Protein backbone atom coordinates (compact mmCIF):
# COMPACT_ATOMS: atom_id res chain seq x y z
CA UNK A 1 -14.71 1.76 10.31
CA UNK A 2 -13.19 -0.75 8.08
CA UNK A 3 -14.01 -4.54 8.38
CA UNK A 4 -10.63 -5.70 7.23
CA UNK A 5 -7.69 -5.71 9.55
CA UNK A 6 -5.13 -4.54 7.00
CA UNK A 7 -6.98 -1.00 6.38
CA UNK A 8 -7.88 1.73 8.92
CA UNK A 9 -9.27 5.21 8.12
CA UNK A 10 -8.95 8.08 10.46
CA UNK A 11 -11.79 10.64 9.27
CA UNK A 12 -10.26 13.15 12.06
CA UNK A 13 -6.97 13.36 10.11
CA UNK A 14 -8.29 12.07 6.83
CA UNK A 15 -5.51 9.36 6.55
CA UNK A 16 -5.69 5.72 5.64
CA UNK A 17 -3.23 3.23 6.99
CA UNK A 18 -2.67 0.12 5.08
CA UNK A 19 -0.75 -3.02 6.45
CA UNK A 20 0.80 -4.69 3.37
CA UNK A 21 2.78 -7.90 2.38
CA UNK A 22 4.79 -7.03 -0.53
CA UNK A 23 6.20 -9.54 -3.06
CA UNK A 24 8.68 -7.75 -5.39
CA UNK A 25 9.84 -9.17 -8.59
CA UNK A 26 6.60 -10.41 -9.72
CA UNK A 27 5.30 -10.53 -13.26
CA UNK A 28 2.89 -7.78 -12.89
CA UNK A 29 1.96 -5.18 -10.20
CA UNK A 30 -1.12 -5.48 -8.50
CA UNK A 31 -3.21 -6.57 -5.39
CA UNK A 32 -3.24 -10.26 -5.03
CA UNK A 33 -5.67 -10.80 -2.12
CA UNK A 34 -5.27 -11.09 1.67
CA UNK A 35 -2.22 -12.55 3.38
CA UNK A 36 -3.00 -13.37 7.16
CA UNK A 37 -3.79 -9.85 8.36
CA UNK A 38 -2.16 -7.92 5.45
CA UNK A 39 -3.16 -7.24 2.00
CA UNK A 40 -0.77 -8.99 -0.42
CA UNK A 41 0.51 -6.61 -3.14
CA UNK A 42 2.64 -7.94 -6.10
CA UNK A 43 5.19 -5.58 -7.72
CA UNK A 44 6.84 -5.93 -11.14
CA UNK A 45 9.80 -4.08 -9.60
CA UNK A 46 13.05 -5.86 -8.27
CA UNK A 47 13.85 -5.68 -4.70
CA UNK A 48 17.10 -3.81 -5.45
CA UNK A 49 18.06 -0.16 -4.22
CA UNK A 50 14.61 0.58 -3.06
CA UNK A 51 13.14 0.09 -6.51
CA UNK A 52 10.24 -1.98 -5.22
CA UNK A 53 9.18 0.41 -2.41
CA UNK A 54 9.38 3.46 -5.12
CA UNK A 55 7.14 1.29 -7.38
CA UNK A 56 4.79 0.36 -4.26
CA UNK A 57 4.31 4.10 -3.51
CA UNK A 58 3.72 5.17 -7.14
CA UNK A 59 1.05 2.31 -7.39
CA UNK A 60 -0.85 3.54 -4.18
CA UNK A 61 -0.61 7.18 -5.33
CA UNK A 62 -2.37 6.32 -8.59
CA UNK A 63 -4.90 3.86 -7.10
CA UNK A 64 -6.10 6.20 -4.27
CA UNK A 65 -5.92 9.23 -6.48
CA UNK A 66 -2.97 11.28 -4.56
CA UNK A 67 -0.07 12.66 -5.20
CA UNK A 68 3.32 10.60 -4.57
CA UNK A 69 4.06 12.98 -1.59
CA UNK A 70 0.73 12.00 -0.05
CA UNK A 71 1.67 8.24 0.48
CA UNK A 72 4.46 7.44 3.10
CA UNK A 73 6.09 4.32 4.05
CA UNK A 74 5.92 4.42 7.66
CA UNK A 75 7.35 0.86 8.59
CA UNK A 76 9.12 -1.83 6.62
CA UNK A 77 11.62 -0.10 4.41
CA UNK A 78 13.54 -3.46 4.03
CA UNK A 79 10.90 -5.87 4.94
CA UNK A 80 7.99 -7.68 2.86
CA UNK A 81 5.76 -6.40 5.46
CA UNK A 82 5.13 -2.76 5.33
CA UNK A 83 2.65 -0.03 6.86
CA UNK A 84 1.79 2.82 4.43
CA UNK A 85 0.04 6.02 5.11
CA UNK A 86 -2.09 7.65 2.74
CA UNK A 87 -3.09 11.46 3.32
CA UNK A 88 -6.44 12.44 1.90
CA UNK A 89 -7.28 9.80 -0.45
CA UNK A 90 -9.70 10.64 -3.36
CA UNK A 91 -10.64 7.06 -4.14
CA UNK A 92 -10.97 3.95 -1.90
CA UNK A 93 -10.08 1.04 -3.90
CA UNK A 94 -9.26 -0.75 -0.73
CA UNK A 95 -12.86 -1.35 0.03
CA UNK A 96 -13.26 -3.68 -2.94
CA UNK A 97 -9.90 -5.32 -2.27
């Protein structure tokens, strides 16, 4: 069980759910720490035509060692607050974020 409110791992389905606050148009892409009950992620991609969402999913796929198809945007397509589902994470960098 996770001790942070923005990360939940379900061993029965081998899925990780992340609650994120995303800041598009940043200087660089990376994790910026906690934002309330969410994890703040800064993205270098602009918030235009889904570019930030694409960059976010690619960033998370690489960080968790999964393919892009294993990362799903469940909620928040046009919002800064997003719920992400990661299937079968091979790495768990969220434990150190």
